[in-house]
């Protein structure tokens, strides 16, 4: 899948996802139930993967 964003859109999306990542880490730390914590951790890992992809500079072949 390819998603084309302007620089401003990219920055906004990155900002939103980083904020959600912080909240997930907080929720994981507060979670008492092991299965719930594991599910949150899985979501957090997926989000970290998306954040890594967004932070890699993309060079277009223009």
C-alpha atoms as a PDB file:
ATOM      1  CA  UNK A   1       0.000   0.000   0.000  1.00  0.00           C
ATOM      2  CA  UNK A   2       1.242   3.432  -0.856  1.00  0.00           C
ATOM      3  CA  UNK A   3       0.107   6.588   0.890  1.00  0.00           C
ATOM      4  CA  UNK A   4       1.184   9.960  -0.427  1.00  0.00           C
ATOM      5  CA  UNK A   5       1.237  12.788   2.106  1.00  0.00           C
ATOM      6  CA  UNK A   6       2.383  16.358   2.055  1.00  0.00           C
ATOM      7  CA  UNK A   7       5.124  17.243   4.511  1.00  0.00           C
ATOM      8  CA  UNK A   8       2.552  18.873   6.797  1.00  0.00           C
ATOM      9  CA  UNK A   9       0.268  15.838   6.644  1.00  0.00           C
ATOM     10  CA  UNK A  10       3.213  13.556   7.373  1.00  0.00           C
ATOM     11  CA  UNK A  11       4.231  15.631  10.379  1.00  0.00           C
ATOM     12  CA  UNK A  12       0.663  15.711  11.707  1.00  0.00           C
ATOM     13  CA  UNK A  13       0.225  11.949  11.326  1.00  0.00           C
ATOM     14  CA  UNK A  14       3.569  11.333  13.002  1.00  0.00           C
ATOM     15  CA  UNK A  15       2.619  13.640  15.876  1.00  0.00           C
ATOM     16  CA  UNK A  16      -0.733  11.865  16.403  1.00  0.00           C
ATOM     17  CA  UNK A  17       0.857   8.422  16.338  1.00  0.00           C
ATOM     18  CA  UNK A  18       3.637   9.435  18.741  1.00  0.00           C
ATOM     19  CA  UNK A  19       1.039  10.786  21.159  1.00  0.00           C
ATOM     20  CA  UNK A  20      -0.966   7.551  20.920  1.00  0.00           C
ATOM     21  CA  UNK A  21       2.241   5.595  21.535  1.00  0.00           C
ATOM     22  CA  UNK A  22       2.807   7.508  24.772  1.00  0.00           C
ATOM     23  CA  UNK A  23      -0.741   6.741  25.889  1.00  0.00           C
ATOM     24  CA  UNK A  24      -0.345   3.052  25.069  1.00  0.00           C
ATOM     25  CA  UNK A  25       2.850   2.841  27.122  1.00  0.00           C
ATOM     26  CA  UNK A  26       1.031   4.494  30.023  1.00  0.00           C
ATOM     27  CA  UNK A  27      -1.924   2.099  29.676  1.00  0.00           C
ATOM     28  CA  UNK A  28       0.436  -0.893  29.587  1.00  0.00           C
ATOM     29  CA  UNK A  29       2.132   0.257  32.780  1.00  0.00           C
ATOM     30  CA  UNK A  30      -1.228   0.613  34.540  1.00  0.00           C
ATOM     31  CA  UNK A  31      -2.807  -2.625  33.275  1.00  0.00           C
ATOM     32  CA  UNK A  32      -3.348  -5.260  35.945  1.00  0.00           C
ATOM     33  CA  UNK A  33      -4.667  -8.104  33.830  1.00  0.00           C
ATOM     34  CA  UNK A  34      -1.935 -10.051  32.026  1.00  0.00           C
ATOM     35  CA  UNK A  35      -3.972 -10.796  28.887  1.00  0.00           C
ATOM     36  CA  UNK A  36      -5.086  -7.172  28.551  1.00  0.00           C
ATOM     37  CA  UNK A  37      -1.499  -5.986  28.998  1.00  0.00           C
ATOM     38  CA  UNK A  38      -0.324  -8.467  26.343  1.00  0.00           C
ATOM     39  CA  UNK A  39      -2.961  -7.205  23.894  1.00  0.00           C
ATOM     40  CA  UNK A  40      -1.908  -3.598  24.518  1.00  0.00           C
ATOM     41  CA  UNK A  41       1.736  -4.571  24.061  1.00  0.00           C
ATOM     42  CA  UNK A  42       0.934  -6.173  20.706  1.00  0.00           C
ATOM     43  CA  UNK A  43      -0.801  -2.980  19.551  1.00  0.00           C
ATOM     44  CA  UNK A  44       2.133  -0.943  20.811  1.00  0.00           C
ATOM     45  CA  UNK A  45       4.582  -3.106  18.858  1.00  0.00           C
ATOM     46  CA  UNK A  46       2.563  -2.640  15.669  1.00  0.00           C
ATOM     47  CA  UNK A  47       2.422   1.102  16.253  1.00  0.00           C
ATOM     48  CA  UNK A  48       6.182   1.219  16.795  1.00  0.00           C
ATOM     49  CA  UNK A  49       6.624  -0.505  13.425  1.00  0.00           C
ATOM     50  CA  UNK A  50       4.455   2.087  11.701  1.00  0.00           C
ATOM     51  CA  UNK A  51       6.337   4.906  13.432  1.00  0.00           C
ATOM     52  CA  UNK A  52       9.655   3.471  12.245  1.00  0.00           C
ATOM     53  CA  UNK A  53       8.378   3.419   8.661  1.00  0.00           C
ATOM     54  CA  UNK A  54       7.186   7.024   8.915  1.00  0.00           C
ATOM     55  CA  UNK A  55      10.498   8.224  10.286  1.00  0.00           C
ATOM     56  CA  UNK A  56      12.599   6.745   7.471  1.00  0.00           C
ATOM     57  CA  UNK A  57      13.287   9.381   4.821  1.00  0.00           C
ATOM     58  CA  UNK A  58      11.749   8.496   1.481  1.00  0.00           C
ATOM     59  CA  UNK A  59      13.688   9.362  -1.665  1.00  0.00           C
ATOM     60  CA  UNK A  60      11.536   9.722  -4.741  1.00  0.00           C
ATOM     61  CA  UNK A  61      12.803   8.798  -8.171  1.00  0.00           C
ATOM     62  CA  UNK A  62      11.765  12.116  -9.728  1.00  0.00           C
END
